[in-house]
Each structure stands twice: as structure tokens, then as C-alpha cells.
Protein backbone atom coordinates (compact mmCIF):
# COMPACT_ATOMS: atom_id res chain seq x y z
CA MET A 1 -11.74 9.00 9.29
CA PRO A 2 -10.76 11.07 6.23
CA LEU A 3 -12.86 10.80 3.08
CA MET A 4 -11.44 8.28 0.63
CA LYS A 5 -11.04 9.16 -3.02
CA GLN A 6 -10.05 7.46 -6.21
CA VAL A 7 -8.12 9.22 -8.95
CA ARG A 8 -7.90 8.08 -12.54
CA LEU A 9 -5.01 9.45 -14.56
CA VAL A 10 -4.57 9.01 -18.28
CA ILE A 11 -1.01 9.86 -19.29
CA THR A 12 -0.33 10.72 -22.92
CA GLY A 13 2.91 11.04 -24.85
CA ARG A 14 5.63 8.44 -25.24
CA VAL A 15 4.73 6.42 -22.14
CA GLN A 16 4.69 2.85 -23.43
CA GLY A 17 7.90 0.90 -23.87
CA VAL A 18 9.87 3.27 -21.60
CA PHE A 19 9.35 1.52 -18.23
CA TYR A 20 6.72 4.07 -17.21
CA ARG A 21 4.53 1.46 -15.46
CA ALA A 22 7.51 0.29 -13.39
CA ALA A 23 8.29 3.91 -12.44
CA VAL A 24 4.69 4.41 -11.29
CA CYS A 25 4.81 1.24 -9.16
CA ASP A 26 8.08 2.43 -7.61
CA ALA A 27 6.55 5.86 -6.92
CA ALA A 28 3.51 4.25 -5.27
CA LYS A 29 5.77 2.73 -2.61
CA GLY A 30 6.37 6.22 -1.20
CA PHE A 31 2.67 6.98 -0.77
CA ASP A 32 -0.29 5.50 1.09
CA VAL A 33 -2.13 4.58 -2.11
CA THR A 34 -3.50 1.39 -3.61
CA GLY A 35 -4.49 0.67 -7.20
CA TYR A 36 -2.92 -0.18 -10.54
CA VAL A 37 -1.22 1.10 -13.68
CA LYS A 38 -1.77 -0.34 -17.15
CA ASN A 39 -1.16 0.32 -20.83
CA LEU A 40 -4.23 1.17 -22.90
CA SER A 41 -4.68 0.13 -26.51
CA ASP A 42 -4.55 3.74 -27.75
CA GLY A 43 -0.94 4.19 -26.56
CA THR A 44 -1.76 5.97 -23.31
CA VAL A 45 -1.24 4.72 -19.76
CA GLU A 46 -4.01 4.57 -17.15
CA VAL A 47 -3.29 4.93 -13.44
CA VAL A 48 -6.07 4.27 -10.92
CA ALA A 49 -5.17 5.00 -7.30
CA GLU A 50 -7.14 5.14 -4.05
CA GLY A 51 -6.39 6.93 -0.81
CA GLU A 52 -6.80 10.25 0.96
CA GLU A 53 -7.17 13.22 -1.39
CA GLU A 54 -3.97 15.06 -0.44
CA GLU A 55 -1.95 11.86 -0.72
CA LEU A 56 -3.47 11.17 -4.14
CA LYS A 57 -2.60 14.68 -5.33
CA ARG A 58 1.03 14.22 -4.30
CA PHE A 59 1.12 10.77 -5.91
CA ALA A 60 -0.36 12.12 -9.15
CA GLU A 61 2.32 14.80 -9.29
CA ALA A 62 5.03 12.19 -8.71
CA CYS A 63 3.62 10.03 -11.51
CA PHE A 64 3.63 12.81 -14.04
CA ILE A 65 6.13 15.48 -13.13
CA ASN A 66 8.80 13.93 -10.90
CA ASP A 67 9.08 10.31 -11.95
CA GLY A 68 7.45 10.26 -15.38
CA PRO A 69 9.56 10.08 -18.52
CA ARG A 70 10.32 13.34 -20.26
CA MET A 71 8.21 12.23 -23.22
CA ALA A 72 4.99 12.27 -21.13
CA GLN A 73 3.00 15.19 -22.49
CA SER A 74 -0.15 15.52 -20.39
CA ALA A 75 -2.20 13.91 -17.68
CA GLU A 76 -5.98 13.84 -17.47
CA LYS A 77 -7.09 13.66 -13.81
CA GLU A 78 -10.49 12.57 -12.56
CA PHE A 79 -11.19 12.36 -8.79
CA THR A 80 -14.15 10.36 -7.41
CA ASP A 81 -15.40 9.84 -3.84
CA ILE A 82 -15.39 6.19 -2.71
CA ASP A 83 -16.66 4.44 0.42
CA LYS A 84 -13.63 2.18 0.81
CA ARG A 85 -10.59 1.01 -1.08
CA GLU A 86 -11.16 -1.68 -3.69
CA HIS A 87 -7.47 -2.58 -4.01
CA THR A 88 -5.12 -3.92 -1.36
CA GLY A 89 -1.80 -3.00 -2.99
CA PHE A 90 -0.42 -1.27 -6.07
CA SER A 91 0.45 -3.29 -9.16
CA VAL A 92 0.75 -3.43 -12.93
CA ALA A 93 -2.50 -4.59 -14.53
CA TYR A 94 -2.61 -6.32 -17.90
């Protein structure tokens, strides 16, 4: 069984109020990932996703480069090893 990972992305730029969270949820449907996306109080958006490393890398690229709004400026990525998935689907967290 492949090693499971979790990635945490923090997306900066104009990413709140532009349907970015909905775009991330739509993108997640095309990948074998679970997790959530939510707005943070500092105006950034946090994405936490779990899955196999290569799948997470492709998902992270889709979140920022392919499906993200043009106003997104940067993405901080942090990968962590996990024993098993904590989430069963992908959703917007509040």
C-alpha cells in the first residue's frame, strides 16, 4: 500500500469572495483526495488534502495554477506523512 500523505496549502492573493473554495471542491472531484478548503481570517484560503503523494502534487497544481483565480498570488505547501486518512470526502469547512 502506498504511503499516505497530507498536504496543507495556504493560498494568498484575492482568493476570498471569488468562488475559490467552490473551484477547489470541483477540482477535488477529479482526484483521489479527501479533505477540506476554508477561508482564514487573514484573507487567505487553507486547503488540507490527504492521499497518495503524486496525486496530492497534481491536485495542488490544479488548485493553484489550473483552476485557481488569476488573482491568486502564491501557495505555501507543507507535506506530512500520515498513517491513514482522517477525512472521508472533500468539502468546504467553516
